[in-house]
């Protein structure tokens, strides 16, 4: 079962815009009911700032239970409570870890060259997986998500800087989850920054893309030439 589960993790990729071998890997994790192609345009938006980065937006391993809706899920949502988020993210983490290991190996990179970016349920997976990698990734970005298991952060790696971006008008994942995530991360010793964006619902806008691009530049220590 685990082999077929992990084999479903694949999706659109972007090679480095510079045509050089990849020096960084940015993995973009979509939200509930979407798929990899839904977010790969984030990579296209950041290619100018990260010319030596490869991007990949894997499809989550499970189809939604209602075929008419289409799309995929990292884990099932029924109760939509904090305990379900924690258990679901824990269950989905091993397959994502295997995918990350395979992608890094394919590009001859390690976690110091890895950034995880997630939206909504993908942000939950970014935090769940990124904070528990054996070696800390260079950056973690969560858009419109929450921190699974915020009260159970013992043993996480605290070296990865975290960016949290959330719309103040989000009616799917309320913005107080972003504030709770930052508080829990700060208490655990993780460096985090939070941006609550006015007039924004459950989505990523140009402000969020700019914040993410600048955060990745800094995390990868990329110096602008213009």
Protein backbone atom coordinates (compact mmCIF):
# COMPACT_ATOMS: atom_id res chain seq x y z
CA UNK A 1 0.00 0.00 0.00
CA UNK A 2 2.76 2.45 0.94
CA UNK A 3 4.56 1.96 -2.37
CA UNK A 4 1.51 2.80 -4.47
CA UNK A 5 0.72 5.69 -2.13
CA UNK A 6 4.11 7.35 -2.66
CA UNK A 7 4.13 6.65 -6.40
CA UNK A 8 1.17 8.99 -6.80
CA UNK A 9 3.30 11.94 -5.69
CA UNK A 10 4.22 13.54 -8.96
CA UNK A 11 3.33 16.74 -10.71
CA UNK A 12 4.52 19.61 -12.91
CA UNK A 13 8.16 20.66 -12.71
CA UNK A 14 10.08 23.73 -13.80
CA UNK A 15 13.79 23.50 -14.57
CA UNK A 16 16.04 26.40 -13.52
CA UNK A 17 15.49 29.46 -15.69
CA UNK A 18 19.27 29.93 -15.89
CA UNK A 19 19.74 26.56 -17.63
CA UNK A 20 22.35 25.81 -14.96
CA UNK A 21 22.15 22.72 -12.77
CA UNK A 22 19.70 23.35 -9.95
CA UNK A 23 21.16 24.95 -6.84
CA UNK A 24 17.84 25.09 -4.98
CA UNK A 25 14.60 23.11 -4.94
CA UNK A 26 11.26 24.74 -4.15
CA UNK A 27 8.42 22.29 -3.53
CA UNK A 28 4.92 23.80 -3.72
CA UNK A 29 2.08 21.95 -1.98
CA UNK A 30 -1.47 22.64 -3.10
CA UNK A 31 -4.61 22.85 -1.00
CA UNK A 32 -7.58 20.56 -0.50
CA UNK A 33 -9.44 19.84 -3.73
CA UNK A 34 -6.76 21.25 -6.02
CA UNK A 35 -3.71 19.68 -7.69
CA UNK A 36 -0.12 20.46 -8.64
CA UNK A 37 -0.91 22.45 -11.80
CA UNK A 38 -3.05 24.75 -9.66
CA UNK A 39 0.03 26.22 -7.94
CA UNK A 40 2.98 25.72 -10.29
CA UNK A 41 2.49 29.31 -11.49
CA UNK A 42 3.98 30.41 -8.17
CA UNK A 43 7.21 28.91 -9.43
CA UNK A 44 6.93 30.80 -12.69
CA UNK A 45 6.39 34.02 -10.75
CA UNK A 46 9.57 33.42 -8.73
CA UNK A 47 11.88 32.19 -11.50
CA UNK A 48 13.26 35.66 -12.13
CA UNK A 49 14.29 35.98 -8.49
CA UNK A 50 15.48 32.38 -8.17
CA UNK A 51 17.05 31.62 -11.56
CA UNK A 52 18.95 28.56 -10.33
CA UNK A 53 15.98 27.00 -8.55
CA UNK A 54 14.02 23.99 -9.71
CA UNK A 55 10.31 23.96 -8.84
CA UNK A 56 7.90 21.07 -8.44
CA UNK A 57 4.24 21.04 -7.42
CA UNK A 58 3.31 17.44 -6.62
CA UNK A 59 -0.25 16.18 -6.70
CA UNK A 60 -1.47 15.01 -3.32
CA UNK A 61 -1.75 11.21 -3.12
CA UNK A 62 -5.52 10.86 -2.68
CA UNK A 63 -8.42 11.81 -4.89
CA UNK A 64 -11.35 13.48 -3.21
CA UNK A 65 -13.98 10.94 -2.13
CA UNK A 66 -16.59 12.62 -4.32
CA UNK A 67 -15.49 12.06 -7.91
CA UNK A 68 -17.71 14.80 -9.27
CA UNK A 69 -15.67 17.39 -7.39
CA UNK A 70 -12.34 16.31 -8.85
CA UNK A 71 -9.11 17.39 -7.24
CA UNK A 72 -6.96 15.78 -4.57
CA UNK A 73 -6.33 15.81 -0.85
CA UNK A 74 -3.28 15.24 1.33
CA UNK A 75 -5.60 13.69 3.88
CA UNK A 76 -9.34 13.32 4.30
CA UNK A 77 -11.40 16.04 5.95
CA UNK A 78 -14.59 15.06 7.73
CA UNK A 79 -14.69 16.59 11.20
CA UNK A 80 -12.48 19.56 10.25
CA UNK A 81 -11.11 19.96 13.74
CA UNK A 82 -7.58 20.38 15.10
CA UNK A 83 -7.26 16.71 16.05
CA UNK A 84 -8.19 15.57 12.55
CA UNK A 85 -5.66 17.98 11.04
CA UNK A 86 -2.91 16.67 13.33
CA UNK A 87 -3.63 12.99 12.68
CA UNK A 88 -4.12 13.50 8.96
CA UNK A 89 -0.91 15.44 8.51
CA UNK A 90 1.03 12.85 10.49
CA UNK A 91 -0.34 10.05 8.32
CA UNK A 92 0.51 11.87 5.08
CA UNK A 93 4.02 12.91 6.12
CA UNK A 94 5.96 9.71 5.25
CA UNK A 95 4.93 9.76 1.58
CA UNK A 96 5.86 13.42 1.27
CA UNK A 97 9.20 12.80 2.98
CA UNK A 98 9.99 10.04 0.48
CA UNK A 99 9.09 12.32 -2.40
CA UNK A 100 11.34 15.09 -1.06
CA UNK A 101 14.20 12.66 -0.57
CA UNK A 102 13.83 11.40 -4.13
CA UNK A 103 13.67 14.91 -5.62
CA UNK A 104 16.72 16.10 -3.69
CA UNK A 105 18.67 12.99 -4.69
CA UNK A 106 17.71 13.43 -8.34
CA UNK A 107 19.09 16.99 -8.27
CA UNK A 108 22.13 16.14 -6.10
CA UNK A 109 20.95 18.56 -3.42
CA UNK A 110 20.30 18.33 0.31
CA UNK A 111 17.83 19.93 2.70
CA UNK A 112 19.91 23.09 3.04
CA UNK A 113 18.84 23.84 -0.54
CA UNK A 114 15.17 22.95 -0.01
CA UNK A 115 12.19 25.24 0.52
CA UNK A 116 8.64 24.04 1.17
CA UNK A 117 5.74 26.28 0.21
CA UNK A 118 2.15 25.32 0.93
CA UNK A 119 -1.35 26.71 0.57
CA UNK A 120 -4.16 25.77 3.00
CA UNK A 121 -3.94 21.99 3.52
CA UNK A 122 -0.60 22.18 1.72
CA UNK A 123 0.56 24.68 4.35
CA UNK A 124 -0.34 22.12 7.03
CA UNK A 125 1.88 19.61 5.25
CA UNK A 126 4.66 22.19 4.87
CA UNK A 127 4.74 22.71 8.62
CA UNK A 128 4.19 19.06 9.55
CA UNK A 129 6.94 17.78 7.30
CA UNK A 130 9.35 20.71 7.17
CA UNK A 131 9.66 21.07 10.94
CA UNK A 132 10.44 17.36 11.28
CA UNK A 133 12.93 16.74 8.48
CA UNK A 134 16.16 15.16 9.82
CA UNK A 135 18.03 18.17 8.43
CA UNK A 136 16.35 21.59 8.44
CA UNK A 137 15.14 23.00 5.11
CA UNK A 138 16.26 26.48 4.10
CA UNK A 139 12.74 27.94 4.33
CA UNK A 140 9.10 27.11 5.06
CA UNK A 141 6.22 29.23 3.76
CA UNK A 142 2.59 28.71 4.72
CA UNK A 143 -0.23 30.53 2.94
CA UNK A 144 -3.75 30.47 4.39
CA UNK A 145 -3.07 27.45 6.57
CA UNK A 146 -2.56 26.37 10.14
CA UNK A 147 0.00 24.53 12.24
CA UNK A 148 -1.03 20.90 12.93
CA UNK A 149 -0.28 19.68 16.43
CA UNK A 150 0.69 23.14 17.66
CA UNK A 151 0.81 21.87 21.24
CA UNK A 152 3.10 18.96 20.33
CA UNK A 153 6.24 20.54 18.93
CA UNK A 154 8.83 18.78 21.08
CA UNK A 155 11.77 17.60 19.04
CA UNK A 156 11.11 19.68 15.93
CA UNK A 157 14.00 21.33 14.14
CA UNK A 158 14.12 25.01 14.99
CA UNK A 159 16.60 26.20 12.36
CA UNK A 160 14.24 26.66 9.40
CA UNK A 161 12.86 30.20 9.12
CA UNK A 162 9.10 30.33 8.63
CA UNK A 163 6.93 32.80 6.75
CA UNK A 164 3.18 32.84 7.44
CA UNK A 165 0.89 34.78 5.09
CA UNK A 166 -2.84 34.90 5.67
CA UNK A 167 -5.81 36.94 4.50
CA UNK A 168 -7.67 38.79 7.21
CA UNK A 169 -10.95 38.00 5.43
CA UNK A 170 -10.28 34.26 5.09
CA UNK A 171 -13.59 32.47 5.67
CA UNK A 172 -12.17 28.96 5.14
CA UNK A 173 -9.24 28.97 7.56
CA UNK A 174 -9.76 31.87 9.93
CA UNK A 175 -6.81 34.21 10.37
CA UNK A 176 -6.55 33.51 14.10
CA UNK A 177 -5.00 30.17 13.11
CA UNK A 178 -2.08 32.09 11.61
CA UNK A 179 -1.58 34.04 14.81
CA UNK A 180 -1.78 30.85 16.86
CA UNK A 181 0.81 29.22 14.59
CA UNK A 182 3.25 32.06 15.02
CA UNK A 183 2.83 32.04 18.78
CA UNK A 184 3.41 28.28 18.99
CA UNK A 185 6.47 28.49 16.73
CA UNK A 186 7.95 31.37 18.68
CA UNK A 187 7.46 29.47 21.93
CA UNK A 188 9.20 26.45 20.36
CA UNK A 189 12.18 28.60 19.33
CA UNK A 190 11.44 28.81 15.61
CA UNK A 191 12.07 32.12 13.85
CA UNK A 192 8.81 33.11 12.17
CA UNK A 193 7.26 36.15 10.55
CA UNK A 194 3.55 36.74 10.09
CA UNK A 195 1.77 38.90 7.53
CA UNK A 196 -1.99 39.35 7.82
CA UNK A 197 -3.19 40.90 4.57
CA UNK A 198 -6.19 43.19 4.61
CA UNK A 199 -9.03 42.59 2.18
CA UNK A 200 -7.79 39.10 1.28
CA UNK A 201 -9.80 35.90 1.58
CA UNK A 202 -8.67 32.30 1.16
CA UNK A 203 -6.17 32.86 -1.63
CA UNK A 204 -2.72 34.14 -2.56
CA UNK A 205 -2.51 37.61 -4.09
CA UNK A 206 0.34 39.64 -5.54
CA UNK A 207 1.33 40.87 -2.09
CA UNK A 208 1.72 37.30 -0.90
CA UNK A 209 3.75 36.32 -3.94
CA UNK A 210 6.10 39.27 -3.40
CA UNK A 211 6.54 38.41 0.27
CA UNK A 212 7.26 34.79 -0.61
CA UNK A 213 9.76 35.64 -3.32
CA UNK A 214 11.72 37.98 -1.08
CA UNK A 215 11.68 35.47 1.76
CA UNK A 216 13.10 32.76 -0.50
CA UNK A 217 15.78 35.09 -1.84
CA UNK A 218 16.91 35.81 1.71
CA UNK A 219 16.73 32.18 2.81
CA UNK A 220 18.83 31.05 -0.14
CA UNK A 221 21.14 34.08 0.29
CA UNK A 222 20.54 35.23 -3.27
CA UNK A 223 21.79 38.75 -4.02
CA UNK A 224 19.89 40.80 -6.57
CA UNK A 225 21.94 42.18 -9.43
CA UNK A 226 19.42 44.82 -10.46
